[in-house]
Protein backbone atom coordinates (compact mmCIF):
# COMPACT_ATOMS: atom_id res chain seq x y z
CA MET A 1 -12.70 -70.65 -38.17
CA THR A 2 -11.34 -73.57 -39.96
CA GLY A 3 -8.03 -74.75 -41.02
CA THR A 4 -5.14 -77.34 -42.64
CA PHE A 5 -1.55 -77.57 -41.97
CA SER A 6 0.42 -79.22 -44.57
CA GLY A 7 4.39 -79.19 -44.18
CA SER A 8 5.59 -76.07 -42.60
CA THR A 9 2.40 -74.47 -44.06
CA LEU A 10 -1.12 -73.42 -41.79
CA VAL A 11 -3.97 -72.55 -43.73
CA LEU A 12 -6.36 -70.71 -41.57
CA SER A 13 -10.34 -69.62 -42.96
CA ALA A 14 -11.80 -67.42 -41.27
CA PRO A 15 -14.94 -65.00 -41.57
CA GLY A 16 -13.92 -61.95 -43.82
CA GLY A 17 -16.03 -58.80 -45.44
CA GLY A 18 -19.59 -59.62 -46.44
CA GLY A 19 -19.65 -63.04 -44.32
CA SER A 20 -17.56 -64.94 -46.77
CA LEU A 21 -14.27 -67.16 -45.51
CA THR A 22 -10.84 -65.89 -46.50
CA ASP A 23 -7.77 -67.79 -46.15
CA TYR A 24 -4.68 -66.68 -44.16
CA THR A 25 -1.61 -68.81 -44.88
CA PHE A 26 1.12 -68.66 -42.42
CA ARG A 27 4.56 -70.34 -43.29
CA ALA A 28 7.11 -71.26 -40.75
CA ALA A 29 10.16 -68.85 -40.63
CA ALA A 30 13.99 -69.46 -39.48
CA VAL A 31 14.77 -68.73 -36.05
CA GLY A 32 16.67 -66.06 -36.92
CA ALA A 33 14.03 -64.32 -38.57
CA TYR A 34 11.92 -64.85 -35.88
CA ASN A 35 13.91 -62.97 -33.34
CA HIS A 36 14.21 -60.15 -35.91
CA ALA A 37 10.60 -59.93 -35.63
CA VAL A 38 10.79 -59.96 -31.66
CA ALA A 39 12.95 -57.28 -31.65
CA GLU A 40 11.59 -55.46 -34.23
CA LEU A 41 8.19 -55.42 -32.33
CA HIS A 42 10.20 -54.83 -29.10
CA LYS A 43 12.06 -51.42 -31.41
CA SER A 44 8.72 -50.07 -32.20
CA ALA A 45 6.95 -50.72 -28.69
CA ALA A 46 10.38 -48.81 -27.38
CA ALA A 47 10.04 -46.20 -29.86
CA ALA A 48 6.21 -45.79 -29.16
CA TYR A 49 6.63 -45.59 -25.56
CA GLN A 50 9.50 -42.76 -25.77
CA LEU A 51 7.09 -40.91 -28.14
CA GLU A 52 4.29 -40.95 -25.70
CA GLN A 53 6.87 -39.87 -23.02
CA ARG A 54 7.76 -37.05 -25.15
CA GLN A 55 3.98 -36.54 -25.46
CA ALA A 56 3.10 -36.10 -22.01
CA ALA A 57 6.55 -33.96 -21.56
CA ALA A 58 5.41 -31.95 -23.47
CA ALA A 59 1.90 -31.50 -22.18
CA GLU A 60 3.24 -31.03 -18.93
CA GLN A 61 5.55 -28.14 -20.15
CA ALA A 62 2.79 -26.65 -21.46
CA ARG A 63 0.82 -26.97 -18.45
CA ALA A 64 3.43 -25.72 -16.52
CA ARG A 65 4.13 -23.04 -18.82
CA GLN A 66 0.18 -21.94 -18.54
CA ARG A 67 0.54 -21.87 -14.91
CA ALA A 68 3.53 -19.73 -14.80
CA ASP A 69 2.30 -17.55 -17.04
CA LYS A 70 -1.11 -17.29 -14.71
CA ALA A 71 1.03 -16.46 -11.56
CA VAL A 72 2.81 -13.54 -13.54
CA ALA A 73 -0.58 -12.13 -14.43
CA ASN A 74 -1.98 -12.88 -10.74
CA VAL A 75 0.76 -11.20 -9.23
CA ALA A 76 1.06 -8.04 -11.78
CA SER A 77 -2.95 -7.47 -10.87
CA THR A 78 -2.09 -7.70 -7.06
CA LEU A 79 0.96 -5.13 -7.68
CA ILE A 80 -1.23 -2.55 -9.52
CA GLY A 81 -4.06 -2.65 -6.87
CA ALA A 82 -1.02 -2.19 -4.61
CA LEU A 83 0.34 1.07 -6.59
CA SER A 84 -3.55 2.28 -6.64
CA THR A 85 -3.79 1.75 -3.07
CA LEU A 86 -0.60 3.70 -2.49
CA ALA A 87 -1.03 6.87 -4.54
CA GLN A 88 -4.88 7.29 -3.00
CA ASP A 89 -3.51 7.10 0.72
CA ALA A 90 -0.19 9.34 0.07
CA THR A 91 -1.93 12.28 -0.93
CA PHE A 92 -2.77 13.06 2.57
CA LYS A 93 -5.44 15.29 1.38
CA SER A 94 -7.77 15.18 3.94
CA GLN A 95 -5.38 14.96 6.59
CA LEU A 96 -3.55 18.31 5.78
CA ALA A 97 -7.15 19.88 5.27
CA ALA A 98 -8.34 19.05 8.47
CA MET A 99 -4.70 20.63 10.01
CA SER A 100 -5.34 23.84 8.43
CA GLN A 101 -8.63 23.85 9.48
CA SER A 102 -7.46 23.39 13.16
CA LEU A 103 -5.39 26.20 12.20
CA THR A 104 -7.72 28.77 11.14
CA THR A 105 -9.66 27.64 14.61
CA THR A 106 -6.92 28.82 16.60
CA GLN A 107 -6.28 32.04 14.80
CA MET A 108 -9.53 33.03 15.07
CA ALA A 109 -9.30 32.44 18.98
CA LEU A 110 -6.18 34.08 19.30
CA THR A 111 -7.38 37.40 17.54
CA LYS A 112 -10.51 37.15 19.70
CA THR A 113 -7.99 37.27 22.85
CA GLU A 114 -5.73 40.23 21.26
CA GLN A 115 -9.20 42.34 21.08
CA LYS A 116 -10.24 41.69 24.25
CA ALA A 117 -6.38 42.31 26.00
CA GLN A 118 -6.54 45.72 23.73
CA GLU A 119 -9.92 46.80 25.44
CA VAL A 120 -8.41 45.98 28.59
CA GLU A 121 -5.69 48.07 28.39
CA ALA A 122 -7.75 51.03 27.14
CA LEU A 123 -9.73 50.33 30.18
CA ALA A 124 -6.30 50.59 32.53
CA ARG A 125 -5.36 53.37 30.72
CA ALA A 126 -8.52 55.49 31.30
CA HIS A 127 -8.76 54.50 34.82
CA PRO A 128 -5.16 54.65 36.53
CA ASN A 129 -6.21 54.18 39.54
CA GLY A 130 -8.32 51.59 39.30
CA ASP A 131 -11.80 50.51 38.13
CA SER A 132 -13.19 48.60 41.13
CA GLY A 133 -11.75 45.68 39.87
CA THR A 134 -12.82 45.30 36.43
CA VAL A 135 -9.85 45.79 34.53
CA CYS A 136 -7.82 42.41 36.57
CA TYR A 137 -11.37 40.32 36.46
CA ASP A 138 -11.24 41.20 32.86
CA ALA A 139 -7.17 40.25 32.23
CA GLN A 140 -7.00 37.64 34.21
CA GLU A 141 -10.20 35.63 33.98
CA GLU A 142 -11.15 37.06 30.26
CA VAL A 143 -8.26 37.48 28.26
CA GLY A 144 -6.39 35.23 30.64
CA TYR A 145 -8.71 32.31 29.98
CA ASP A 146 -9.25 33.14 26.45
CA ALA A 147 -5.63 32.67 26.06
CA ARG A 148 -5.09 29.20 28.53
CA GLU A 149 -8.85 27.52 27.64
CA GLU A 150 -9.17 28.79 23.63
CA VAL A 151 -5.77 29.68 21.90
CA SER A 152 -3.70 26.78 23.56
CA TYR A 153 -6.70 24.15 23.86
CA ASP A 154 -7.40 24.99 20.17
CA ALA A 155 -3.61 24.28 19.25
CA SER A 156 -3.24 21.35 21.36
CA GLU A 157 -6.88 19.39 20.96
CA SER A 158 -7.44 20.72 17.38
CA VAL A 159 -4.06 21.10 15.89
CA GLY A 160 -1.99 18.97 18.30
CA TYR A 161 -4.79 15.87 18.26
CA ASN A 162 -5.12 16.08 14.08
CA ALA A 163 -1.21 15.86 14.00
CA THR A 164 -0.59 12.72 16.01
CA GLU A 165 -4.26 10.92 15.20
CA THR A 166 -4.76 11.78 11.61
CA VAL A 167 -1.30 12.72 9.93
CA GLU A 168 0.58 10.68 11.78
CA PRO A 169 -1.63 7.51 11.42
CA GLU A 170 -1.85 7.78 7.46
CA ILE A 171 2.00 8.32 7.76
CA GLN A 172 1.77 4.84 8.85
CA THR A 173 -0.45 3.44 6.30
CA VAL A 174 1.59 4.52 3.78
CA GLN A 175 4.49 3.15 5.05
CA SER A 176 2.80 -0.03 5.17
CA ASP A 177 1.72 0.50 1.57
CA ILE A 178 5.20 0.89 0.77
CA ALA A 179 6.39 -2.68 2.32
CA THR A 180 3.16 -4.27 0.29
CA VAL A 181 4.25 -2.56 -3.33
CA GLN A 182 7.51 -4.05 -2.47
CA GLN A 183 6.87 -7.37 -1.06
CA ASP A 184 4.19 -7.39 -4.90
CA LEU A 185 7.26 -6.24 -6.88
CA ALA A 186 9.57 -9.16 -5.41
CA ALA A 187 6.79 -11.45 -5.89
CA LEU A 188 5.99 -10.28 -9.50
CA GLN A 189 10.24 -10.55 -10.53
CA SER A 190 9.98 -14.01 -8.63
CA ALA A 191 6.76 -15.01 -10.99
CA GLU A 192 8.75 -13.66 -14.32
CA ALA A 193 12.20 -15.64 -13.37
CA ASN A 194 9.69 -19.06 -13.92
CA ALA A 195 7.67 -17.63 -17.00
CA PRO A 196 10.69 -15.63 -18.70
CA SER A 197 8.59 -15.40 -22.04
CA TYR A 198 5.77 -14.09 -20.97
CA GLN A 199 5.26 -10.77 -20.01
CA PRO A 200 1.79 -9.28 -19.54
CA ALA A 201 1.02 -6.03 -21.18
CA SER A 202 -0.22 -4.16 -17.56
CA ALA A 203 2.41 -5.71 -15.49
CA PRO A 204 4.32 -2.34 -14.16
CA SER A 205 8.04 -2.12 -14.83
CA THR A 206 10.34 -2.21 -12.06
CA SER A 207 11.19 1.75 -12.55
CA THR A 208 8.12 2.36 -12.31
CA VAL A 209 7.22 0.56 -8.91
CA GLN A 210 10.28 2.26 -8.10
CA GLN A 211 9.64 5.78 -8.59
CA ALA A 212 6.01 5.35 -7.42
CA ILE A 213 7.77 4.50 -3.77
CA SER A 214 9.84 7.53 -3.89
CA ASN A 215 7.17 9.73 -4.73
CA ALA A 216 5.15 8.44 -1.91
CA GLN A 217 8.32 8.65 0.20
CA ALA A 218 8.44 12.51 -0.92
CA ASN A 219 4.65 12.92 -0.13
CA ILE A 220 5.40 11.47 3.55
CA GLN A 221 8.05 13.93 4.12
CA ALA A 222 5.91 17.31 2.38
CA ALA A 223 2.98 16.61 5.08
CA VAL A 224 5.47 16.19 7.55
CA ASN A 225 7.14 19.16 6.74
CA THR A 226 3.74 20.96 6.57
CA THR A 227 2.03 19.64 9.70
CA ASN A 228 5.03 20.82 11.40
CA SER A 229 4.59 23.91 9.75
CA ASP A 230 1.19 24.86 11.18
CA ILE A 231 2.03 23.62 14.69
CA SER A 232 5.06 25.78 14.84
CA THR A 233 2.74 28.26 13.75
CA ALA A 234 -0.28 27.39 16.22
CA ASN A 235 2.30 27.63 19.10
CA GLY A 236 3.25 30.96 18.02
CA TYR A 237 -0.38 31.78 18.40
CA VAL A 238 -0.55 30.44 21.91
CA ALA A 239 2.78 32.44 22.37
CA ALA A 240 1.08 35.47 21.46
CA ALA A 241 -2.06 34.68 23.42
CA TYR A 242 0.05 34.69 26.34
CA ARG A 243 2.04 37.80 25.56
CA ALA A 244 -1.75 39.38 25.45
CA ALA A 245 -2.72 38.24 28.54
CA ASP A 246 0.31 39.02 30.15
CA GLN A 247 0.48 42.77 28.75
CA ALA A 248 -3.24 43.30 30.04
CA ILE A 249 -2.60 42.00 33.51
CA ALA A 250 0.76 44.18 33.60
CA ALA A 251 -1.75 47.34 32.26
CA GLY A 252 -3.90 46.86 34.98
CA HIS A 253 -0.93 45.97 37.82
CA CYS A 254 -2.89 42.61 38.71
CA GLY A 255 0.00 40.55 39.32
CA SER A 256 2.08 38.08 38.02
CA GLY A 257 1.71 36.91 34.03
CA LEU A 258 0.55 33.09 32.92
CA GLY A 259 3.94 32.25 32.56
CA ASN A 260 5.39 30.30 29.42
CA PRO A 261 3.23 29.15 27.26
CA PRO A 262 2.61 25.38 26.14
CA THR A 263 3.82 24.17 23.15
CA VAL A 264 2.61 21.48 20.89
CA PRO A 265 5.76 19.12 20.01
CA PRO A 266 7.13 18.20 15.95
CA ILE A 267 5.36 15.07 14.57
CA SER A 268 8.44 12.61 12.49
CA ALA A 269 8.13 10.60 9.49
CA ASN A 270 8.67 7.68 11.36
CA PRO A 271 6.34 7.71 14.16
CA GLY A 272 5.98 4.86 16.70
């Protein structure tokens, strides 16, 4: 690069396109013009910086919206799963089926006991003066045994067991499911507040969630009612078996009866 300086003009020669030299002429300017140029340069730089900042802020806002939208979608998916679990658990299908089967077993034991009691009473009528102790043995050791060790046992260890070990634990499971759904709904509402313009098509509405909770609570109460009805029926079977045994014992003049029949207590919608 070469140059010449003449007066207030500076001419520089530098290689240009194609390798040939190109002259670049520079002339002295007034102080005001220089200061104006510097101010314009600063203004241009400030505008470029502000534009860069606005672009960066817009990009961050876009990323924040994406994060917020993703959070809504994730929480909505979690809530959908919780609702599905709640619907499955709140049927009480297998638990109530077990109760029904236990009640049938207890009823069959009662039928056997009553039939045996009728046989003993018939034997007592046929032998009003006694039959070498067979009546009393049958009344006490067979009818009485069946009443205590079969009917009462089935009521307690089958009906009662299923009530406390299958139905009540399932009630607790459903109540836990309800609490999870309520927590997930609150989380969804919080996430939606951070993304007001985003609504995933699959997100359950508040009314849908509340209806699911209401249905589950109704199913809990229905399960309690059905279970307690079965318990009451089973207690009735035990009482009937004890009456049959007492009547057989009385028919043979074989002493005192079995006493008060035991009962299975009812369950609650809030086991604990």
